Amino acid sequence: MRILIGADTYAPHVNGASYFAQRLAVALSARHEVHVAAPSTRSRSFTGMTREGIVEHRVRSLAVPGHPGFRFCPPVGLRAAARRILDEVKPDVVHVQSHFPLCRALIDAAGERGVLVIATNHFMPENLTHYLPIGRGGRTAVHEWAWRDAARVFTRADVVTAPTPYAAALATVAGVPGPVLPLSNGIDLNRFREQATAGEFRLRYGVPDKPTVTYVGRLDAEKNLDVVIRAFAAVRRGLDAHLLIVGAGAERRALTLLAAERGVSEHVTFTGFVADADLPSAYAATTVFVNAGTAELQSLVTLEAMASGRPVVGADAAALPHLVLNDETGYLFPPGDDDALADRLVRLLGDPGLAARLGRRARAVAEQHDEVRTVAAFEQLYAIRPAPAGEMVAV
């Protein structure tokens, strides 16, 4: 089968949607001819092949002001570029990862050519509206418009999926014709296991060998890491623990200043960007994983921590309650409540037996999200074809 994956965010972008598209492309390439259409890493378009044999069609892009390393494809000339790619590739199916300009153009070009379109939604307006200086009312208006715009684009797809039941329900409420299929992003379980070693990682980044609270991901506003630092300062009043923050982002300086203000600077390690290959060691250095984000459609890093046998304390918001089960895989806390977060962290940090028990259960839940299942499910979707009356049939 010839598959074209469309992604408005792709390597070297660092986010869940980008990682999912990359992992899916690699997994599919073992059995199929895989092409990827994504923003160029420079100002012009080009085509190349990865070492896995994936053909990348990089489309002319521009840098996003204020977000180093992130690029987007301007609409001018994009439809022509999408048509050119489809005419060159002649795919059996187009699988887009967003409703943004490049994927929107690919959907239109595929529709013109009668090519099956699968769309996966990784979008929540909250991940963007945080950055708009337009007040609460303005952000609410933008939020509603953004969902209407997404629904208008996804309506043109043959099948729409989302990573969790929560994400699927959001899309349906927003107006995407249902059913929107909940289909986990999946995780490579072989990469994340309890036997990964932490010693070299601790040495490289100066992380002391003591009970450690870990966050992995972007350091951006919607991740609410200020709540984590305030909670950790409260934890430190009774426990000799360490906070490990893995990742880069716009909030790094503000978070560093907050740690100093709370008197915990020497007990917090900011690693900056860490290569994907080193993440298993970061989780191995972890006692408890924390996620205070309130705009998660699934959270790959939470799944990775769970697959590594680590309990999670997460905000009771968005899709996190699908993974964080109270007294089973960890504990939920009310979003933004740093006192409640501190209480849950102390409970786990102070009871190694409890942390180990919940960690084992977390691994078992993560095993339900094996990417082998995810890839097989998408392969089944790719095999359907529009019937003459517009219904979908398997082939």
Protein backbone atom coordinates (compact mmCIF):
# COMPACT_ATOMS: atom_id res chain seq x y z
CA MET A 1 0.00 0.00 0.00
CA ARG A 2 1.21 3.53 -0.75
CA ILE A 3 0.50 5.82 2.21
CA LEU A 4 0.91 9.60 2.38
CA ILE A 5 1.05 11.06 5.90
CA GLY A 6 0.37 14.79 6.10
CA ALA A 7 1.67 16.72 9.10
CA ASP A 8 1.81 20.46 9.81
CA THR A 9 4.17 19.69 12.68
CA TYR A 10 6.92 17.13 12.12
CA ALA A 11 10.61 16.58 12.84
CA PRO A 12 12.48 18.49 14.11
CA HIS A 13 9.43 19.93 15.92
CA VAL A 14 9.13 18.74 19.53
CA ASN A 15 5.55 17.90 20.49
CA GLY A 16 3.25 14.92 20.76
CA ALA A 17 1.63 15.26 17.33
CA SER A 18 5.04 15.45 15.65
CA TYR A 19 6.34 12.40 17.50
CA PHE A 20 3.21 10.40 16.73
CA ALA A 21 3.45 11.11 13.01
CA GLN A 22 7.15 10.18 12.97
CA ARG A 23 6.60 6.92 14.86
CA LEU A 24 3.63 5.97 12.72
CA ALA A 25 5.59 6.57 9.52
CA VAL A 26 8.50 4.41 10.73
CA ALA A 27 6.22 1.58 11.88
CA LEU A 28 4.26 1.56 8.61
CA SER A 29 7.42 1.63 6.50
CA ALA A 30 8.18 -1.98 7.47
CA ARG A 31 5.27 -3.17 5.30
CA HIS A 32 4.24 -0.26 3.09
CA GLU A 33 5.60 2.49 0.88
CA VAL A 34 5.39 5.55 3.09
CA HIS A 35 5.57 9.21 2.09
CA VAL A 36 5.34 12.21 4.41
CA ALA A 37 4.33 15.76 3.48
CA ALA A 38 5.53 18.21 6.12
CA PRO A 39 6.92 21.75 6.52
CA SER A 40 10.39 22.25 5.11
CA THR A 41 13.28 22.86 7.46
CA ARG A 42 14.25 25.76 5.22
CA SER A 43 12.56 28.42 3.07
CA ARG A 44 12.25 26.22 -0.02
CA SER A 45 10.62 22.88 -0.84
CA PHE A 46 12.63 19.71 -1.29
CA THR A 47 12.25 15.93 -1.30
CA GLY A 48 14.49 13.38 0.41
CA MET A 49 14.55 9.88 1.85
CA THR A 50 15.21 8.88 5.46
CA ARG A 51 17.33 5.91 6.51
CA GLU A 52 14.08 3.98 7.11
CA GLY A 53 13.13 4.47 3.46
CA ILE A 54 10.43 7.07 4.11
CA VAL A 55 10.16 9.68 1.36
CA GLU A 56 9.75 13.16 2.84
CA HIS A 57 8.15 15.88 0.74
CA ARG A 58 9.16 19.03 2.57
CA VAL A 59 7.03 22.03 1.63
CA ARG A 60 8.26 25.64 1.69
CA SER A 61 7.79 27.07 5.17
CA LEU A 62 8.42 30.11 7.35
CA ALA A 63 9.66 30.39 10.92
CA VAL A 64 7.10 31.08 13.65
CA PRO A 65 8.05 34.30 15.48
CA GLY A 66 8.84 33.68 19.13
CA HIS A 67 9.03 29.90 18.74
CA PRO A 68 12.54 28.95 17.61
CA GLY A 69 12.69 25.80 15.51
CA PHE A 70 8.98 25.75 14.71
CA ARG A 71 7.88 26.41 11.12
CA PHE A 72 4.60 26.59 9.22
CA CYS A 73 3.55 26.45 5.58
CA PRO A 74 2.02 29.75 4.37
CA PRO A 75 -1.23 29.28 2.40
CA VAL A 76 0.04 30.98 -0.77
CA GLY A 77 0.80 28.29 -3.34
CA LEU A 78 -0.02 25.49 -0.91
CA ARG A 79 -2.87 23.95 -2.90
CA ALA A 80 -0.65 23.68 -5.96
CA ALA A 81 2.06 22.06 -3.83
CA ALA A 82 -0.42 19.55 -2.41
CA ARG A 83 -1.74 18.66 -5.86
CA ARG A 84 1.82 18.19 -7.11
CA ILE A 85 2.65 15.85 -4.24
CA LEU A 86 -0.47 13.73 -4.75
CA ASP A 87 0.08 13.51 -8.49
CA GLU A 88 3.66 12.42 -7.90
CA VAL A 89 2.99 9.93 -5.09
CA LYS A 90 -0.41 8.60 -6.26
CA PRO A 91 -1.24 7.37 -2.75
CA ASP A 92 -3.88 4.79 -1.86
CA VAL A 93 -4.68 6.79 1.26
CA VAL A 94 -3.85 10.20 2.75
CA HIS A 95 -3.62 10.33 6.55
CA VAL A 96 -3.50 13.91 7.85
CA GLN A 97 -2.59 14.87 11.41
CA SER A 98 -4.25 18.29 11.62
CA HIS A 99 -6.62 20.75 9.99
CA PHE A 100 -3.95 23.42 9.52
CA PRO A 101 -2.87 24.81 6.11
CA LEU A 102 -0.75 21.97 4.72
CA CYS A 103 -3.12 19.19 5.82
CA ARG A 104 -6.10 21.25 4.69
CA ALA A 105 -4.59 21.51 1.21
CA LEU A 106 -3.85 17.76 1.17
CA ILE A 107 -7.46 16.96 2.12
CA ASP A 108 -8.74 19.12 -0.75
CA ALA A 109 -6.31 17.61 -3.26
CA ALA A 110 -7.18 14.07 -2.15
CA GLY A 111 -10.89 14.82 -2.44
CA GLU A 112 -10.44 16.09 -5.99
CA ARG A 113 -8.74 12.80 -6.89
CA GLY A 114 -11.09 10.44 -5.05
CA VAL A 115 -8.35 9.32 -2.62
CA LEU A 116 -9.38 8.04 0.82
CA VAL A 117 -8.67 10.55 3.61
CA ILE A 118 -8.12 9.57 7.25
CA ALA A 119 -7.78 12.51 9.66
CA THR A 120 -6.43 12.31 13.21
CA ASN A 121 -7.08 15.28 15.48
CA HIS A 122 -4.32 16.24 17.92
CA PHE A 123 -5.66 19.80 18.36
CA MET A 124 -6.98 21.64 21.39
CA PRO A 125 -7.42 25.41 21.10
CA GLU A 126 -6.12 25.79 24.66
CA ASN A 127 -2.65 24.95 23.39
CA LEU A 128 -2.71 28.15 21.32
CA THR A 129 -5.05 30.61 23.06
CA HIS A 130 -2.70 30.80 26.08
CA TYR A 131 -0.47 33.03 23.98
CA LEU A 132 -3.09 35.53 22.78
CA PRO A 133 -3.10 38.85 24.71
CA ILE A 134 -6.83 39.42 24.12
CA GLY A 135 -8.40 38.75 27.50
CA ARG A 136 -10.68 35.94 28.63
CA GLY A 137 -13.59 37.00 26.42
CA GLY A 138 -11.41 37.24 23.35
CA ARG A 139 -9.84 33.86 24.04
CA THR A 140 -13.30 32.30 24.42
CA ALA A 141 -14.34 33.69 21.05
CA VAL A 142 -11.16 32.41 19.40
CA HIS A 143 -11.64 29.03 21.08
CA GLU A 144 -15.13 28.65 19.61
CA TRP A 145 -14.02 29.82 16.16
CA ALA A 146 -11.04 27.43 16.19
CA TRP A 147 -13.25 24.42 16.85
CA ARG A 148 -15.71 25.46 14.13
CA ASP A 149 -12.81 25.81 11.70
CA ALA A 150 -11.44 22.38 12.62
CA ALA A 151 -14.86 20.76 12.23
CA ARG A 152 -15.33 22.40 8.82
CA VAL A 153 -12.06 20.87 7.58
CA PHE A 154 -12.44 17.43 9.15
CA THR A 155 -15.93 17.11 7.70
CA ARG A 156 -14.21 16.59 4.34
CA ALA A 157 -12.32 13.52 5.61
CA ASP A 158 -13.73 10.02 5.16
CA VAL A 159 -12.80 8.88 8.67
CA VAL A 160 -11.76 10.98 11.69
CA THR A 161 -9.91 9.56 14.70
CA ALA A 162 -8.71 11.03 18.00
CA PRO A 163 -6.30 9.63 20.62
CA THR A 164 -8.83 9.11 23.45
CA PRO A 165 -12.60 8.93 24.06
CA TYR A 166 -12.31 12.42 25.58
CA ALA A 167 -10.66 13.78 22.43
CA ALA A 168 -13.21 12.04 20.23
CA ALA A 169 -16.09 13.56 22.22
CA LEU A 170 -14.55 17.04 21.94
CA ALA A 171 -14.39 16.74 18.16
CA THR A 172 -17.96 15.45 17.93
CA VAL A 173 -19.32 18.26 20.11
CA ALA A 174 -17.39 20.72 17.93
CA GLY A 175 -19.36 19.53 14.91
CA VAL A 176 -17.22 16.82 13.31
CA PRO A 177 -19.67 14.25 11.91
CA GLY A 178 -19.48 11.14 14.04
CA PRO A 179 -18.61 8.70 15.02
CA VAL A 180 -15.11 10.03 15.66
CA LEU A 181 -13.07 6.92 16.44
CA PRO A 182 -10.99 6.90 19.65
CA LEU A 183 -7.69 5.30 18.68
CA SER A 184 -4.68 5.58 21.01
CA ASN A 185 -1.49 7.17 19.71
CA GLY A 186 0.22 4.08 21.05
CA ILE A 187 3.66 3.59 22.53
CA ASP A 188 6.70 1.44 21.79
CA LEU A 189 6.63 -0.69 24.91
CA ASN A 190 10.03 -2.21 24.20
CA ARG A 191 11.76 1.15 24.66
CA PHE A 192 10.40 1.89 28.11
CA ARG A 193 11.00 -0.72 30.75
CA GLU A 194 11.89 -0.69 34.41
CA GLN A 195 15.36 -2.13 33.73
CA ALA A 196 16.62 1.04 32.00
CA THR A 197 19.60 2.42 33.94
CA ALA A 198 19.67 5.89 35.47
CA GLY A 199 23.28 6.24 36.63
CA GLU A 200 24.77 7.78 33.50
CA PHE A 201 21.81 10.12 33.08
CA ARG A 202 22.08 11.32 36.68
CA LEU A 203 25.82 11.90 36.26
CA ARG A 204 25.45 13.78 32.97
CA TYR A 205 22.78 16.17 34.24
CA GLY A 206 23.79 16.40 37.88
CA VAL A 207 20.67 14.72 39.27
CA PRO A 208 21.31 13.44 42.82
CA ASP A 209 20.35 9.89 43.75
CA LYS A 210 17.34 10.68 45.92
CA PRO A 211 13.52 10.52 45.53
CA THR A 212 12.83 12.37 42.29
CA VAL A 213 9.74 14.04 40.85
CA THR A 214 10.00 14.26 37.06
CA TYR A 215 8.29 16.19 34.29
CA VAL A 216 9.08 15.60 30.60
CA GLY A 217 7.78 17.84 27.82
CA ARG A 218 7.54 21.39 26.58
CA LEU A 219 8.08 24.20 29.06
CA ASP A 220 5.10 26.22 27.88
CA ALA A 221 2.29 28.02 29.67
CA GLU A 222 -0.44 25.40 29.25
CA LYS A 223 1.74 22.82 31.03
CA ASN A 224 1.30 24.73 34.33
CA LEU A 225 4.79 24.01 35.60
CA ASP A 226 4.55 26.93 38.00
CA VAL A 227 2.05 24.78 39.92
CA VAL A 228 4.60 21.95 39.98
CA ILE A 229 7.37 24.16 41.35
CA ARG A 230 5.16 25.65 44.06
CA ALA A 231 4.05 22.15 45.07
CA PHE A 232 7.61 20.89 45.08
CA ALA A 233 8.66 23.70 47.41
CA ALA A 234 6.00 22.46 49.84
CA VAL A 235 7.23 18.86 49.44
CA ARG A 236 10.77 19.98 50.31
CA ARG A 237 9.59 21.23 53.70
CA GLY A 238 9.22 17.61 54.82
CA LEU A 239 11.16 15.44 52.37
CA ASP A 240 14.64 15.55 50.86
CA ALA A 241 13.46 15.19 47.27
CA HIS A 242 14.60 16.47 43.87
CA LEU A 243 12.69 17.89 40.90
CA LEU A 244 13.79 16.94 37.38
CA ILE A 245 12.37 19.03 34.51
CA VAL A 246 13.23 17.61 31.09
CA GLY A 247 12.55 19.73 28.03
CA ALA A 248 12.75 23.22 26.59
CA GLY A 249 10.27 26.01 26.08
CA ALA A 250 9.28 29.62 26.48
CA GLU A 251 8.69 29.37 30.25
CA ARG A 252 12.20 28.23 31.16
CA ARG A 253 13.39 31.60 32.50
CA ALA A 254 10.18 32.28 34.45
CA LEU A 255 10.31 28.83 36.01
CA THR A 256 13.97 29.24 36.97
CA LEU A 257 13.13 32.52 38.70
CA LEU A 258 10.17 30.93 40.49
CA ALA A 259 12.37 28.10 41.79
CA ALA A 260 14.79 30.71 43.15
CA GLU A 261 11.97 32.68 44.71
CA ARG A 262 10.70 29.54 46.46
CA GLY A 263 14.18 28.65 47.67
CA VAL A 264 14.50 25.35 45.81
CA SER A 265 16.88 26.22 42.97
CA GLU A 266 19.61 23.82 44.11
CA HIS A 267 17.04 21.01 44.25
CA VAL A 268 15.67 21.50 40.71
CA THR A 269 17.43 20.31 37.56
CA PHE A 270 16.47 21.82 34.18
CA THR A 271 18.06 19.59 31.56
CA GLY A 272 16.91 21.47 28.48
CA PHE A 273 16.22 19.39 25.39
CA VAL A 274 17.04 15.70 25.83
CA ALA A 275 17.36 13.35 22.87
CA ASP A 276 14.57 10.82 22.48
CA ALA A 277 17.07 7.98 22.91
CA ASP A 278 17.90 9.21 26.44
CA LEU A 279 14.31 9.44 27.71
CA PRO A 280 14.15 5.86 29.08
CA SER A 281 17.04 6.77 31.40
CA ALA A 282 15.23 9.93 32.49
CA TYR A 283 12.20 7.86 33.50
CA ALA A 284 14.51 5.36 35.21
CA ALA A 285 15.75 8.25 37.39
CA THR A 286 12.15 9.01 38.35
CA THR A 287 10.25 8.10 41.50
CA VAL A 288 7.01 9.87 40.58
CA PHE A 289 6.05 11.47 37.27
CA VAL A 290 3.98 14.65 37.31
CA ASN A 291 1.75 16.25 34.69
CA ALA A 292 -0.11 19.43 35.65
CA GLY A 293 -1.25 20.18 32.09
CA THR A 294 -4.91 20.93 31.45
CA ALA A 295 -4.92 20.61 27.65
CA GLU A 296 -3.85 17.01 27.07
CA LEU A 297 -5.62 14.95 24.42
CA GLN A 298 -3.65 11.90 25.57
CA SER A 299 -0.07 12.73 26.71
CA LEU A 300 2.60 10.49 25.26
CA VAL A 301 5.08 11.38 28.01
CA THR A 302 2.63 10.20 30.65
CA LEU A 303 2.28 6.91 28.78
CA GLU A 304 6.07 6.62 28.56
CA ALA A 305 6.46 7.15 32.30
CA MET A 306 3.76 4.55 32.99
CA ALA A 307 5.39 2.09 30.58
CA SER A 308 8.59 2.62 32.58
CA GLY A 309 6.76 1.45 35.70
CA ARG A 310 6.40 4.86 37.32
CA PRO A 311 3.27 6.16 39.10
CA VAL A 312 1.83 9.46 37.88
CA VAL A 313 0.29 12.43 39.66
CA GLY A 314 -1.77 14.31 37.11
CA ALA A 315 -4.27 17.14 36.84
CA ASP A 316 -7.88 16.01 36.85
CA ALA A 317 -8.46 17.59 33.46
CA ALA A 318 -8.83 16.81 29.77
CA ALA A 319 -7.70 13.25 28.90
CA LEU A 320 -5.36 12.59 31.85
CA PRO A 321 -8.06 10.77 33.88
CA HIS A 322 -8.07 8.10 31.15
CA LEU A 323 -4.54 7.17 32.26
CA VAL A 324 -4.18 8.39 35.84
CA LEU A 325 -6.47 6.23 37.98
CA ASN A 326 -6.66 7.09 41.67
CA ASP A 327 -4.86 4.55 43.84
CA GLU A 328 -4.26 2.37 40.76
CA THR A 329 -1.73 4.11 38.50
CA GLY A 330 -1.23 7.22 40.62
CA TYR A 331 -3.35 10.12 41.81
CA LEU A 332 -5.31 12.99 40.30
CA PHE A 333 -5.37 16.47 41.81
CA PRO A 334 -7.62 19.50 41.16
CA PRO A 335 -6.06 21.59 38.35
CA GLY A 336 -3.97 24.47 39.66
CA ASP A 337 -4.12 23.32 43.30
CA ASP A 338 -0.46 23.17 44.33
CA ASP A 339 -1.31 22.16 47.92
CA ALA A 340 -3.25 19.12 46.68
CA LEU A 341 -0.46 18.27 44.27
CA ALA A 342 2.10 18.46 47.08
CA ASP A 343 -0.06 16.15 49.22
CA ARG A 344 -0.18 13.47 46.47
CA LEU A 345 3.54 13.75 45.83
CA VAL A 346 4.41 13.37 49.51
CA ARG A 347 2.16 10.31 49.73
CA LEU A 348 4.12 8.54 46.99
CA LEU A 349 7.61 9.84 47.74
CA GLY A 350 7.24 8.85 51.38
CA ASP A 351 6.01 5.33 50.70
CA PRO A 352 8.31 3.40 48.29
CA GLY A 353 6.11 0.29 48.55
CA LEU A 354 3.03 2.23 47.44
CA ALA A 355 4.95 3.90 44.61
CA ALA A 356 6.20 0.51 43.39
CA ARG A 357 2.72 -1.04 43.53
CA LEU A 358 1.13 1.80 41.56
CA GLY A 359 4.07 1.75 39.15
CA ARG A 360 3.45 -1.91 38.34
CA ARG A 361 -0.21 -1.18 37.68
CA ALA A 362 0.78 1.81 35.53
CA ARG A 363 2.91 -0.48 33.37
CA ALA A 364 -0.03 -2.86 32.94
CA VAL A 365 -2.31 -0.02 31.80
CA ALA A 366 0.36 1.27 29.41
CA GLU A 367 0.54 -2.17 27.84
CA GLN A 368 -3.01 -1.63 26.57
CA HIS A 369 -1.58 1.13 24.36
CA ASP A 370 0.99 -0.96 22.49
CA GLU A 371 1.71 0.82 19.20
CA VAL A 372 1.47 -2.53 17.40
CA ARG A 373 -2.27 -2.37 18.05
CA THR A 374 -2.44 1.24 16.92
CA VAL A 375 -0.65 0.59 13.64
CA ALA A 376 -2.83 -2.46 12.93
CA ALA A 377 -5.97 -0.43 13.55
CA PHE A 378 -4.86 2.29 11.13
CA GLU A 379 -3.96 -0.33 8.53
CA GLN A 380 -7.54 -1.58 8.75
CA LEU A 381 -8.85 1.95 8.20
CA TYR A 382 -6.53 2.44 5.23
CA ALA A 383 -8.08 -0.64 3.58
CA ILE A 384 -11.61 0.77 3.41
CA ARG A 385 -12.93 2.38 0.25
CA PRO A 386 -15.91 4.62 -0.49
CA ALA A 387 -18.93 2.63 -1.75
CA PRO A 388 -20.91 4.09 -4.68
CA ALA A 389 -23.56 5.51 -2.34
CA GLY A 390 -20.91 7.18 -0.18
CA GLU A 391 -20.79 4.54 2.55
CA MET A 392 -17.44 3.05 3.50
CA VAL A 393 -16.62 -0.60 2.78
CA ALA A 394 -13.59 -2.76 3.59
CA VAL A 395 -11.47 -4.23 0.84
